[in-house]
């Protein structure tokens, strides 16, 4: 594999992870946090690829398989399940 491609995967994964952590830490609400988790997903995918294509990065690859699962839960929780939570029951007047 090209050293340039491996470097792109490594630094994209690191940078995207930092950006996603920053977005989530801002606590801007459900949708921005959900998009932060989407960025975390892309970071995990890049670092999984880097980890298994690099001779010395398999630990990072395995770690990011676990993080990918966690990040997918975050995407579901904040972008899909949150829509159901946001629905407020209609008030009835008596």
PDB file of N, CA and C in Angstrom:
ATOM      1  N   UNK A   1       0.846  -1.174   0.000  1.00  0.00           N
ATOM      2  CA  UNK A   1       0.000   0.000   0.000  1.00  0.00           C
ATOM      3  C   UNK A   1       0.894   1.241   0.000  1.00  0.00           C
ATOM      4  N   UNK A   2       0.448   2.249  -0.658  1.00  0.00           N
ATOM      5  CA  UNK A   2       1.190   3.505  -0.759  1.00  0.00           C
ATOM      6  C   UNK A   2       1.353   4.165   0.614  1.00  0.00           C
ATOM      7  N   UNK A   3       2.558   4.621   0.888  1.00  0.00           N
ATOM      8  CA  UNK A   3       2.812   5.327   2.152  1.00  0.00           C
ATOM      9  C   UNK A   3       1.981   6.610   2.236  1.00  0.00           C
ATOM     10  N   UNK A   4       1.770   7.263   1.096  1.00  0.00           N
ATOM     11  CA  UNK A   4       0.961   8.492   1.084  1.00  0.00           C
ATOM     12  C   UNK A   4      -0.478   8.194   1.472  1.00  0.00           C
ATOM     13  N   UNK A   5      -1.042   7.119   0.908  1.00  0.00           N
ATOM     14  CA  UNK A   5      -2.415   6.739   1.228  1.00  0.00           C
ATOM     15  C   UNK A   5      -2.544   6.388   2.710  1.00  0.00           C
ATOM     16  N   UNK A   6      -1.570   5.640   3.240  1.00  0.00           N
ATOM     17  CA  UNK A   6      -1.599   5.305   4.664  1.00  0.00           C
ATOM     18  C   UNK A   6      -1.521   6.557   5.534  1.00  0.00           C
ATOM     19  N   UNK A   7      -0.693   7.516   5.129  1.00  0.00           N
ATOM     20  CA  UNK A   7      -0.582   8.767   5.890  1.00  0.00           C
ATOM     21  C   UNK A   7      -1.900   9.535   5.854  1.00  0.00           C
ATOM     22  N   UNK A   8      -2.559   9.553   4.697  1.00  0.00           N
ATOM     23  CA  UNK A   8      -3.856  10.246   4.588  1.00  0.00           C
ATOM     24  C   UNK A   8      -4.869   9.597   5.520  1.00  0.00           C
ATOM     25  N   UNK A   9      -4.944   8.256   5.518  1.00  0.00           N
ATOM     26  CA  UNK A   9      -5.878   7.562   6.410  1.00  0.00           C
ATOM     27  C   UNK A   9      -5.573   7.879   7.874  1.00  0.00           C
ATOM     28  N   UNK A  10      -4.304   7.824   8.234  1.00  0.00           N
ATOM     29  CA  UNK A  10      -3.905   8.056   9.626  1.00  0.00           C
ATOM     30  C   UNK A  10      -4.251   9.472  10.078  1.00  0.00           C
ATOM     31  N   UNK A  11      -3.877  10.451   9.286  1.00  0.00           N
ATOM     32  CA  UNK A  11      -4.090  11.835   9.716  1.00  0.00           C
ATOM     33  C   UNK A  11      -5.549  12.264   9.559  1.00  0.00           C
ATOM     34  N   UNK A  12      -6.256  11.718   8.564  1.00  0.00           N
ATOM     35  CA  UNK A  12      -7.690  12.004   8.483  1.00  0.00           C
ATOM     36  C   UNK A  12      -8.391  11.433   9.720  1.00  0.00           C
ATOM     37  N   UNK A  13      -8.076  10.185  10.056  1.00  0.00           N
ATOM     38  CA  UNK A  13      -8.699   9.556  11.220  1.00  0.00           C
ATOM     39  C   UNK A  13      -8.449  10.340  12.493  1.00  0.00           C
ATOM     40  N   UNK A  14      -7.212  10.793  12.677  1.00  0.00           N
ATOM     41  CA  UNK A  14      -6.877  11.568  13.876  1.00  0.00           C
ATOM     42  C   UNK A  14      -7.586  12.919  13.872  1.00  0.00           C
ATOM     43  N   UNK A  15      -7.535  13.623  12.756  1.00  0.00           N
ATOM     44  CA  UNK A  15      -8.158  14.949  12.671  1.00  0.00           C
ATOM     45  C   UNK A  15      -9.665  14.894  12.792  1.00  0.00           C
ATOM     46  N   UNK A  16     -10.289  13.923  12.113  1.00  0.00           N
ATOM     47  CA  UNK A  16     -11.746  13.784  12.189  1.00  0.00           C
ATOM     48  C   UNK A  16     -12.178  13.422  13.608  1.00  0.00           C
ATOM     49  N   UNK A  17     -11.388  12.591  14.284  1.00  0.00           N
ATOM     50  CA  UNK A  17     -11.700  12.247  15.670  1.00  0.00           C
ATOM     51  C   UNK A  17     -11.660  13.461  16.586  1.00  0.00           C
ATOM     52  N   UNK A  18     -10.672  14.309  16.379  1.00  0.00           N
ATOM     53  CA  UNK A  18     -10.578  15.543  17.177  1.00  0.00           C
ATOM     54  C   UNK A  18     -11.763  16.471  16.901  1.00  0.00           C
ATOM     55  N   UNK A  19     -12.088  16.645  15.621  1.00  0.00           N
ATOM     56  CA  UNK A  19     -13.218  17.506  15.259  1.00  0.00           C
ATOM     57  C   UNK A  19     -14.521  16.973  15.852  1.00  0.00           C
ATOM     58  N   UNK A  20     -14.740  15.672  15.735  1.00  0.00           N
ATOM     59  CA  UNK A  20     -15.964  15.076  16.267  1.00  0.00           C
ATOM     60  C   UNK A  20     -16.044  15.236  17.782  1.00  0.00           C
ATOM     61  N   UNK A  21     -14.938  15.017  18.466  1.00  0.00           N
ATOM     62  CA  UNK A  21     -14.926  15.178  19.926  1.00  0.00           C
ATOM     63  C   UNK A  21     -15.246  16.619  20.305  1.00  0.00           C
ATOM     64  N   UNK A  22     -14.718  17.563  19.547  1.00  0.00           N
ATOM     65  CA  UNK A  22     -14.998  18.976  19.813  1.00  0.00           C
ATOM     66  C   UNK A  22     -16.489  19.274  19.628  1.00  0.00           C
ATOM     67  N   UNK A  23     -17.075  18.788  18.541  1.00  0.00           N
ATOM     68  CA  UNK A  23     -18.504  19.020  18.271  1.00  0.00           C
ATOM     69  C   UNK A  23     -19.353  18.428  19.395  1.00  0.00           C
ATOM     70  N   UNK A  24     -19.051  17.187  19.773  1.00  0.00           N
ATOM     71  CA  UNK A  24     -19.831  16.540  20.834  1.00  0.00           C
ATOM     72  C   UNK A  24     -19.657  17.282  22.154  1.00  0.00           C
ATOM     73  N   UNK A  25     -18.445  17.759  22.432  1.00  0.00           N
ATOM     74  CA  UNK A  25     -18.192  18.452  23.709  1.00  0.00           C
ATOM     75  C   UNK A  25     -18.911  19.787  23.811  1.00  0.00           C
ATOM     76  N   UNK A  26     -19.256  20.386  22.677  1.00  0.00           N
ATOM     77  CA  UNK A  26     -19.952  21.670  22.709  1.00  0.00           C
ATOM     78  C   UNK A  26     -21.397  21.549  23.178  1.00  0.00           C
ATOM     79  N   UNK A  27     -21.945  20.339  23.113  1.00  0.00           N
ATOM     80  CA  UNK A  27     -23.320  20.094  23.566  1.00  0.00           C
ATOM     81  C   UNK A  27     -24.296  21.088  22.934  1.00  0.00           C
ATOM     82  N   UNK A  28     -24.253  21.158  21.623  1.00  0.00           N
ATOM     83  CA  UNK A  28     -25.090  22.110  20.880  1.00  0.00           C
ATOM     84  C   UNK A  28     -26.498  21.604  20.614  1.00  0.00           C
ATOM     85  N   UNK A  29     -26.785  20.416  21.037  1.00  0.00           N
ATOM     86  CA  UNK A  29     -28.113  19.865  20.820  1.00  0.00           C
ATOM     87  C   UNK A  29     -28.023  18.515  20.138  1.00  0.00           C
ATOM     88  N   UNK A  30     -29.172  17.941  19.919  1.00  0.00           N
ATOM     89  CA  UNK A  30     -29.265  16.581  19.406  1.00  0.00           C
ATOM     90  C   UNK A  30     -28.676  16.426  18.009  1.00  0.00           C
ATOM     91  N   UNK A  31     -29.099  17.254  17.079  1.00  0.00           N
ATOM     92  CA  UNK A  31     -28.635  17.074  15.697  1.00  0.00           C
ATOM     93  C   UNK A  31     -27.138  17.341  15.532  1.00  0.00           C
ATOM     94  N   UNK A  32     -26.591  18.430  16.056  1.00  0.00           N
ATOM     95  CA  UNK A  32     -25.138  18.611  15.919  1.00  0.00           C
ATOM     96  C   UNK A  32     -24.338  17.479  16.576  1.00  0.00           C
ATOM     97  N   UNK A  33     -24.809  16.998  17.715  1.00  0.00           N
ATOM     98  CA  UNK A  33     -24.126  15.885  18.363  1.00  0.00           C
ATOM     99  C   UNK A  33     -24.203  14.640  17.480  1.00  0.00           C
ATOM    100  N   UNK A  34     -25.341  14.406  16.873  1.00  0.00           N
ATOM    101  CA  UNK A  34     -25.490  13.280  15.948  1.00  0.00           C
ATOM    102  C   UNK A  34     -24.522  13.377  14.785  1.00  0.00           C
ATOM    103  N   UNK A  35     -24.363  14.566  14.226  1.00  0.00           N
ATOM    104  CA  UNK A  35     -23.408  14.748  13.129  1.00  0.00           C
ATOM    105  C   UNK A  35     -21.978  14.603  13.619  1.00  0.00           C
ATOM    106  N   UNK A  36     -21.728  14.947  14.866  1.00  0.00           N
ATOM    107  CA  UNK A  36     -20.415  14.667  15.447  1.00  0.00           C
ATOM    108  C   UNK A  36     -20.133  13.168  15.455  1.00  0.00           C
ATOM    109  N   UNK A  37     -21.146  12.378  15.785  1.00  0.00           N
ATOM    110  CA  UNK A  37     -20.980  10.926  15.756  1.00  0.00           C
ATOM    111  C   UNK A  37     -20.793  10.403  14.331  1.00  0.00           C
ATOM    112  N   UNK A  38     -21.421  11.034  13.353  1.00  0.00           N
ATOM    113  CA  UNK A  38     -21.183  10.646  11.951  1.00  0.00           C
ATOM    114  C   UNK A  38     -19.709  10.857  11.617  1.00  0.00           C
ATOM    115  N   UNK A  39     -19.148  11.971  12.038  1.00  0.00           N
ATOM    116  CA  UNK A  39     -17.722  12.231  11.795  1.00  0.00           C
ATOM    117  C   UNK A  39     -16.866  11.206  12.543  1.00  0.00           C
ATOM    118  N   UNK A  40     -17.267  10.840  13.760  1.00  0.00           N
ATOM    119  CA  UNK A  40     -16.564   9.786  14.487  1.00  0.00           C
ATOM    120  C   UNK A  40     -16.573   8.473  13.688  1.00  0.00           C
ATOM    121  N   UNK A  41     -17.699   8.159  13.051  1.00  0.00           N
ATOM    122  CA  UNK A  41     -17.790   6.941  12.240  1.00  0.00           C
ATOM    123  C   UNK A  41     -16.755   6.974  11.117  1.00  0.00           C
ATOM    124  N   UNK A  42     -16.651   8.110  10.417  1.00  0.00           N
ATOM    125  CA  UNK A  42     -15.678   8.187   9.326  1.00  0.00           C
ATOM    126  C   UNK A  42     -14.249   8.080   9.863  1.00  0.00           C
ATOM    127  N   UNK A  43     -14.014   8.651  11.029  1.00  0.00           N
ATOM    128  CA  UNK A  43     -12.702   8.543  11.661  1.00  0.00           C
ATOM    129  C   UNK A  43     -12.379   7.087  11.974  1.00  0.00           C
ATOM    130  N   UNK A  44     -13.328   6.376  12.542  1.00  0.00           N
ATOM    131  CA  UNK A  44     -13.110   4.973  12.880  1.00  0.00           C
ATOM    132  C   UNK A  44     -12.841   4.135  11.638  1.00  0.00           C
ATOM    133  N   UNK A  45     -13.581   4.382  10.571  1.00  0.00           N
ATOM    134  CA  UNK A  45     -13.374   3.629   9.333  1.00  0.00           C
ATOM    135  C   UNK A  45     -11.967   3.871   8.791  1.00  0.00           C
ATOM    136  N   UNK A  46     -11.543   5.126   8.792  1.00  0.00           N
ATOM    137  CA  UNK A  46     -10.198   5.442   8.311  1.00  0.00           C
ATOM    138  C   UNK A  46      -9.130   4.771   9.171  1.00  0.00           C
ATOM    139  N   UNK A  47      -9.321   4.782  10.484  1.00  0.00           N
ATOM    140  CA  UNK A  47      -8.314   4.197  11.362  1.00  0.00           C
ATOM    141  C   UNK A  47      -8.343   2.670  11.370  1.00  0.00           C
ATOM    142  N   UNK A  48      -9.496   2.077  11.095  1.00  0.00           N
ATOM    143  CA  UNK A  48      -9.556   0.623  10.911  1.00  0.00           C
ATOM    144  C   UNK A  48      -8.745   0.245   9.672  1.00  0.00           C
ATOM    145  N   UNK A  49      -8.993   0.953   8.573  1.00  0.00           N
ATOM    146  CA  UNK A  49      -8.248   0.682   7.337  1.00  0.00           C
ATOM    147  C   UNK A  49      -6.757   0.888   7.562  1.00  0.00           C
ATOM    148  N   UNK A  50      -6.385   1.998   8.171  1.00  0.00           N
ATOM    149  CA  UNK A  50      -4.969   2.278   8.433  1.00  0.00           C
ATOM    150  C   UNK A  50      -4.358   1.195   9.313  1.00  0.00           C
ATOM    151  N   UNK A  51      -5.086   0.812  10.347  1.00  0.00           N
ATOM    152  CA  UNK A  51      -4.555  -0.158  11.296  1.00  0.00           C
ATOM    153  C   UNK A  51      -4.261  -1.506  10.675  1.00  0.00           C
ATOM    154  N   UNK A  52      -5.120  -1.959   9.780  1.00  0.00           N
ATOM    155  CA  UNK A  52      -4.912  -3.282   9.206  1.00  0.00           C
ATOM    156  C   UNK A  52      -4.064  -3.257   7.936  1.00  0.00           C
ATOM    157  N   UNK A  53      -3.864  -2.091   7.345  1.00  0.00           N
ATOM    158  CA  UNK A  53      -2.973  -1.977   6.190  1.00  0.00           C
ATOM    159  C   UNK A  53      -1.541  -1.655   6.619  1.00  0.00           C
ATOM    160  N   UNK A  54      -1.386  -1.247   7.853  1.00  0.00           N
ATOM    161  CA  UNK A  54      -0.085  -0.875   8.401  1.00  0.00           C
ATOM    162  C   UNK A  54       0.418  -2.047   9.243  1.00  0.00           C
ATOM    163  N   UNK A  55       1.677  -2.374   9.117  1.00  0.00           N
ATOM    164  CA  UNK A  55       2.241  -3.524   9.845  1.00  0.00           C
ATOM    165  C   UNK A  55       2.200  -3.363  11.361  1.00  0.00           C
ATOM    166  N   UNK A  56       2.191  -2.148  11.842  1.00  0.00           N
ATOM    167  CA  UNK A  56       2.279  -1.921  13.284  1.00  0.00           C
ATOM    168  C   UNK A  56       1.025  -1.312  13.896  1.00  0.00           C
ATOM    169  N   UNK A  57      -0.072  -1.280  13.168  1.00  0.00           N
ATOM    170  CA  UNK A  57      -1.249  -0.576  13.663  1.00  0.00           C
ATOM    171  C   UNK A  57      -2.451  -1.436  13.961  1.00  0.00           C
ATOM    172  N   UNK A  58      -2.260  -2.750  14.116  1.00  0.00           N
ATOM    173  CA  UNK A  58      -3.420  -3.617  14.302  1.00  0.00           C
ATOM    174  C   UNK A  58      -4.180  -3.338  15.599  1.00  0.00           C
ATOM    175  N   UNK A  59      -3.483  -2.910  16.628  1.00  0.00           N
ATOM    176  CA  UNK A  59      -4.172  -2.560  17.877  1.00  0.00           C
ATOM    177  C   UNK A  59      -5.139  -1.404  17.674  1.00  0.00           C
ATOM    178  N   UNK A  60      -4.708  -0.403  16.921  1.00  0.00           N
ATOM    179  CA  UNK A  60      -5.591   0.731  16.606  1.00  0.00           C
ATOM    180  C   UNK A  60      -6.765   0.260  15.755  1.00  0.00           C
ATOM    181  N   UNK A  61      -6.503  -0.661  14.832  1.00  0.00           N
ATOM    182  CA  UNK A  61      -7.584  -1.204  14.008  1.00  0.00           C
ATOM    183  C   UNK A  61      -8.648  -1.881  14.850  1.00  0.00           C
ATOM    184  N   UNK A  62      -8.209  -2.754  15.767  1.00  0.00           N
ATOM    185  CA  UNK A  62      -9.170  -3.447  16.629  1.00  0.00           C
ATOM    186  C   UNK A  62      -9.906  -2.488  17.555  1.00  0.00           C
ATOM    187  N   UNK A  63      -9.184  -1.522  18.098  1.00  0.00           N
ATOM    188  CA  UNK A  63      -9.820  -0.534  18.969  1.00  0.00           C
ATOM    189  C   UNK A  63     -10.918   0.202  18.206  1.00  0.00           C
ATOM    190  N   UNK A  64     -10.643   0.552  16.970  1.00  0.00           N
ATOM    191  CA  UNK A  64     -11.612   1.324  16.202  1.00  0.00           C
ATOM    192  C   UNK A  64     -12.778   0.495  15.685  1.00  0.00           C
ATOM    193  N   UNK A  65     -12.632  -0.813  15.659  1.00  0.00           N
ATOM    194  CA  UNK A  65     -13.803  -1.652  15.387  1.00  0.00           C
ATOM    195  C   UNK A  65     -14.794  -1.482  16.542  1.00  0.00           C
ATOM    196  N   UNK A  66     -14.280  -1.528  17.765  1.00  0.00           N
ATOM    197  CA  UNK A  66     -15.146  -1.291  18.929  1.00  0.00           C
ATOM    198  C   UNK A  66     -15.723   0.111  18.931  1.00  0.00           C
ATOM    199  N   UNK A  67     -14.891   1.102  18.627  1.00  0.00           N
ATOM    200  CA  UNK A  67     -15.377   2.486  18.589  1.00  0.00           C
ATOM    201  C   UNK A  67     -16.395   2.699  17.482  1.00  0.00           C
ATOM    202  N   UNK A  68     -16.234   2.001  16.363  1.00  0.00           N
ATOM    203  CA  UNK A  68     -17.208   2.114  15.266  1.00  0.00           C
ATOM    204  C   UNK A  68     -18.589   1.681  15.734  1.00  0.00           C
ATOM    205  N   UNK A  69     -18.641   0.585  16.475  1.00  0.00           N
ATOM    206  CA  UNK A  69     -19.932   0.114  17.004  1.00  0.00           C
ATOM    207  C   UNK A  69     -20.525   1.169  17.940  1.00  0.00           C
ATOM    208  N   UNK A  70     -19.716   1.677  18.847  1.00  0.00           N
ATOM    209  CA  UNK A  70     -20.182   2.707  19.783  1.00  0.00           C
ATOM    210  C   UNK A  70     -20.646   3.949  19.032  1.00  0.00           C
ATOM    211  N   UNK A  71     -19.900   4.364  18.026  1.00  0.00           N
ATOM    212  CA  UNK A  71     -20.258   5.563  17.258  1.00  0.00           C
ATOM    213  C   UNK A  71     -21.533   5.365  16.461  1.00  0.00           C
ATOM    214  N   UNK A  72     -21.758   4.152  15.960  1.00  0.00           N
ATOM    215  CA  UNK A  72     -23.016   3.874  15.254  1.00  0.00           C
ATOM    216  C   UNK A  72     -24.203   3.969  16.209  1.00  0.00           C
ATOM    217  N   UNK A  73     -24.009   3.537  17.453  1.00  0.00           N
ATOM    218  CA  UNK A  73     -25.060   3.706  18.471  1.00  0.00           C
ATOM    219  C   UNK A  73     -25.333   5.197  18.670  1.00  0.00           C
ATOM    220  N   UNK A  74     -24.274   6.012  18.721  1.00  0.00           N
ATOM    221  CA  UNK A  74     -24.446   7.457  18.862  1.00  0.00           C
ATOM    222  C   UNK A  74     -25.197   8.067  17.689  1.00  0.00           C
ATOM    223  N   UNK A  75     -24.876   7.635  16.472  1.00  0.00           N
ATOM    224  CA  UNK A  75     -25.597   8.137  15.289  1.00  0.00           C
ATOM    225  C   UNK A  75     -27.066   7.782  15.416  1.00  0.00           C
ATOM    226  N   UNK A  76     -27.353   6.525  15.745  1.00  0.00           N
ATOM    227  CA  UNK A  76     -28.756   6.113  15.884  1.00  0.00           C
ATOM    228  C   UNK A  76     -29.450   6.918  16.983  1.00  0.00           C
ATOM    229  N   UNK A  77     -28.792   7.018  18.117  1.00  0.00           N
ATOM    230  CA  UNK A  77     -29.393   7.686  19.278  1.00  0.00           C
ATOM    231  C   UNK A  77     -29.712   9.151  19.015  1.00  0.00           C
ATOM    232  N   UNK A  78     -28.766   9.864  18.383  1.00  0.00           N
ATOM    233  CA  UNK A  78     -28.921  11.305  18.241  1.00  0.00           C
ATOM    234  C   UNK A  78     -29.559  11.736  16.925  1.00  0.00           C
ATOM    235  N   UNK A  79     -29.529  10.902  15.892  1.00  0.00           N
ATOM    236  CA  UNK A  79     -30.124  11.323  14.620  1.00  0.00           C
ATOM    237  C   UNK A  79     -31.419  10.602  14.283  1.00  0.00           C
ATOM    238  N   UNK A  80     -31.607   9.388  14.803  1.00  0.00           N
ATOM    239  CA  UNK A  80     -32.815   8.645  14.450  1.00  0.00           C
ATOM    240  C   UNK A  80     -33.767   8.489  15.631  1.00  0.00           C
ATOM    241  N   UNK A  81     -33.302   7.985  16.749  1.00  0.00           N
ATOM    242  CA  UNK A  81     -34.162   7.801  17.913  1.00  0.00           C
ATOM    243  C   UNK A  81     -34.571   9.133  18.515  1.00  0.00           C
ATOM    244  N   UNK A  82     -33.741  10.148  18.364  1.00  0.00           N
ATOM    245  CA  UNK A  82     -34.047  11.464  18.934  1.00  0.00           C
ATOM    246  C   UNK A  82     -35.287  12.068  18.298  1.00  0.00           C
ATOM    247  N   UNK A  83     -35.543  11.745  17.059  1.00  0.00           N
ATOM    248  CA  UNK A  83     -36.740  12.281  16.399  1.00  0.00           C
ATOM    249  C   UNK A  83     -37.998  11.807  17.099  1.00  0.00           C
ATOM    250  N   UNK A  84     -37.976  10.572  17.546  1.00  0.00           N
ATOM    251  CA  UNK A  84     -39.129  10.059  18.276  1.00  0.00           C
ATOM    252  C   UNK A  84     -39.242  10.720  19.646  1.00  0.00           C
ATOM    253  N   UNK A  85     -38.103  10.976  20.291  1.00  0.00           N
ATOM    254  CA  UNK A  85     -38.100  11.607  21.612  1.00  0.00           C
ATOM    255  C   UNK A  85     -38.551  13.064  21.549  1.00  0.00           C
ATOM    256  N   UNK A  86     -38.287  13.724  20.420  1.00  0.00           N
ATOM    257  CA  UNK A  86     -38.623  15.139  20.287  1.00  0.00           C
ATOM    258  C   UNK A  86     -40.117  15.379  20.119  1.00  0.00           C
ATOM    259  N   UNK A  87     -40.847  14.348  19.724  1.00  0.00           N
ATOM    260  CA  UNK A  87     -42.282  14.513  19.535  1.00  0.00           C
ATOM    261  C   UNK A  87     -42.945  14.672  20.885  1.00  0.00           C
ATOM    262  N   UNK A  88     -43.650  15.760  21.022  1.00  0.00           N
ATOM    263  CA  UNK A  88     -44.336  16.010  22.278  1.00  0.00           C
ATOM    264  C   UNK A  88     -45.789  15.600  22.127  1.00  0.00           C
ATOM    265  N   UNK A  89     -46.367  15.051  23.174  1.00  0.00           N
ATOM    266  CA  UNK A  89     -47.780  14.687  23.086  1.00  0.00           C
ATOM    267  C   UNK A  89     -48.636  15.934  22.933  1.00  0.00           C
ATOM    268  N   UNK A  90     -49.694  15.784  22.160  1.00  0.00           N
ATOM    269  CA  UNK A  90     -50.584  16.916  21.954  1.00  0.00           C
ATOM    270  C   UNK A  90     -51.376  17.189  23.219  1.00  0.00           C
ATOM    271  N   UNK A  91     -51.509  18.475  23.529  1.00  0.00           N
ATOM    272  CA  UNK A  91     -52.276  18.845  24.710  1.00  0.00           C
ATOM    273  C   UNK A  91     -53.757  18.868  24.343  1.00  0.00           C
ATOM    274  N   UNK A  92     -54.539  18.416  25.251  1.00  0.00           N
ATOM    275  CA  UNK A  92     -55.981  18.457  25.057  1.00  0.00           C
ATOM    276  C   UNK A  92     -56.564  19.511  25.979  1.00  0.00           C
ATOM    277  N   UNK A  93     -57.511  20.191  25.484  1.00  0.00           N
ATOM    278  CA  UNK A  93     -58.168  21.209  26.308  1.00  0.00           C
ATOM    279  C   UNK A  93     -59.482  20.657  26.774  1.00  0.00           C
ATOM    280  N   UNK A  94     -59.774  20.897  28.019  1.00  0.00           N
ATOM    281  CA  UNK A  94     -61.038  20.379  28.564  1.00  0.00           C
ATOM    282  C   UNK A  94     -61.952  21.510  28.918  1.00  0.00           C
TER     283      UNK A  94
END
